[in-house]
Protein backbone atom coordinates (compact mmCIF):
# COMPACT_ATOMS: atom_id res chain seq x y z
CA UNK A 1 11.57 8.98 8.29
CA UNK A 2 7.79 8.31 8.15
CA UNK A 3 5.24 8.03 4.64
CA UNK A 4 3.89 11.94 4.05
CA UNK A 5 0.60 11.16 2.38
CA UNK A 6 0.39 14.86 1.49
CA UNK A 7 3.95 15.47 -0.11
CA UNK A 8 3.60 12.19 -1.92
CA UNK A 9 0.48 13.72 -3.45
CA UNK A 10 1.71 17.12 -4.42
CA UNK A 11 4.55 14.87 -6.16
CA UNK A 12 2.44 13.02 -7.94
CA UNK A 13 0.31 16.02 -8.59
CA UNK A 14 2.59 18.59 -9.56
CA UNK A 15 4.94 16.15 -11.71
CA UNK A 16 2.19 15.48 -13.97
CA UNK A 17 2.98 11.28 -13.02
CA UNK A 18 1.50 8.91 -15.58
CA UNK A 19 1.89 6.26 -13.53
CA UNK A 20 1.95 5.67 -9.78
CA UNK A 21 2.90 2.46 -8.29
CA UNK A 22 1.67 1.85 -4.25
CA UNK A 23 0.73 -0.80 -1.98
CA UNK A 24 -2.85 -0.57 -1.88
CA UNK A 25 -2.58 0.36 1.92
CA UNK A 26 -0.27 3.73 0.78
CA UNK A 27 -3.12 4.21 -2.10
CA UNK A 28 -5.66 4.39 0.94
CA UNK A 29 -3.95 6.50 2.52
CA UNK A 30 -3.12 8.91 -0.42
CA UNK A 31 -6.52 9.26 -1.57
CA UNK A 32 -7.85 11.98 0.37
CA UNK A 33 -4.65 13.81 -0.70
CA UNK A 34 -5.28 13.65 -4.43
CA UNK A 35 -7.57 16.10 -6.57
CA UNK A 36 -8.96 14.48 -9.68
CA UNK A 37 -8.58 17.78 -11.33
CA UNK A 38 -4.84 18.12 -11.23
CA UNK A 39 -4.42 14.13 -12.05
CA UNK A 40 -5.45 14.29 -15.53
CA UNK A 41 -2.04 13.22 -17.37
CA UNK A 42 -2.20 9.95 -14.28
CA UNK A 43 -3.25 7.05 -16.84
CA UNK A 44 -2.04 3.65 -14.79
CA UNK A 45 -2.18 3.18 -10.74
CA UNK A 46 -0.20 -0.14 -10.31
CA UNK A 47 -1.37 -1.73 -6.63
CA UNK A 48 1.04 -4.28 -5.53
CA UNK A 49 2.28 -6.88 -3.40
CA UNK A 50 -1.29 -7.15 -1.43
CA UNK A 51 -4.75 -7.75 -1.78
CA UNK A 52 -6.71 -4.68 -3.03
CA UNK A 53 -10.10 -3.51 -1.34
CA UNK A 54 -11.85 -2.56 -4.49
CA UNK A 55 -14.97 -0.82 -1.90
CA UNK A 56 -12.11 1.31 -0.29
CA UNK A 57 -11.09 3.11 -3.65
CA UNK A 58 -14.64 3.03 -5.85
CA UNK A 59 -15.04 6.65 -5.34
CA UNK A 60 -11.50 7.79 -6.19
CA UNK A 61 -12.39 5.40 -9.47
CA UNK A 62 -15.44 7.23 -10.59
CA UNK A 63 -13.92 10.28 -10.00
CA UNK A 64 -10.75 9.66 -12.09
CA UNK A 65 -12.23 7.51 -14.77
CA UNK A 66 -9.17 7.95 -17.17
CA UNK A 67 -6.74 5.97 -14.86
CA UNK A 68 -6.65 2.42 -15.21
CA UNK A 69 -6.26 0.03 -12.08
CA UNK A 70 -3.77 -3.04 -12.10
CA UNK A 71 -3.07 -5.35 -9.39
CA UNK A 72 0.88 -6.80 -9.26
CA UNK A 73 1.70 -9.86 -7.22
CA UNK A 74 4.97 -10.98 -7.05
CA UNK A 75 8.00 -12.78 -4.69
CA UNK A 76 9.10 -10.04 -2.47
CA UNK A 77 12.66 -11.17 -2.64
CA UNK A 78 12.42 -10.48 -6.66
CA UNK A 79 9.72 -7.98 -7.59
CA UNK A 80 6.20 -7.11 -6.74
CA UNK A 81 5.39 -6.75 -10.53
CA UNK A 82 6.00 -10.34 -11.41
CA UNK A 83 2.16 -10.51 -12.60
CA UNK A 84 -0.16 -8.14 -13.83
CA UNK A 85 -4.13 -7.88 -13.50
CA UNK A 86 -5.71 -5.24 -14.79
CA UNK A 87 -9.32 -4.30 -12.59
CA UNK A 88 -11.78 -3.07 -15.44
CA UNK A 89 -15.26 -2.80 -15.22
CA UNK A 90 -16.49 -6.17 -15.07
CA UNK A 91 -13.82 -7.42 -12.66
CA UNK A 92 -15.25 -4.35 -10.52
CA UNK A 93 -18.31 -5.26 -10.99
CA UNK A 94 -18.30 -8.85 -10.44
CA UNK A 95 -15.64 -8.60 -7.27
CA UNK A 96 -13.23 -11.46 -9.15
CA UNK A 97 -10.45 -8.67 -8.28
CA UNK A 98 -9.82 -10.35 -4.43
CA UNK A 99 -9.05 -13.49 -6.14
CA UNK A 100 -7.10 -12.26 -9.26
CA UNK A 101 -3.15 -12.75 -9.20
CA UNK A 102 -3.35 -11.87 -13.05
CA UNK A 103 -0.45 -12.97 -16.16
CA UNK A 104 2.97 -13.45 -15.97
CA UNK A 105 4.91 -10.03 -17.48
């Protein structure tokens, strides 16, 4: 079954999710369907298994400043979250997020 971004966004908002774990590519597709007023419980967005392009998520970050972003990486055959790197203000500003893999969990 193909990825249904509208349905996924509806579940995140209606169930008042506090954590969302997706690939960056899936999150880019989800963003147009996410309504900040319905995401007040969302605290963490984990972007895993691929490089995050900050320019693609900057508007969402500005509209939902309470959401903390982390990039996650790991060998696919084990897990996509064996290392984490928070995308904080300094990382966003310096564009270091393109190069950081993170710390071991």
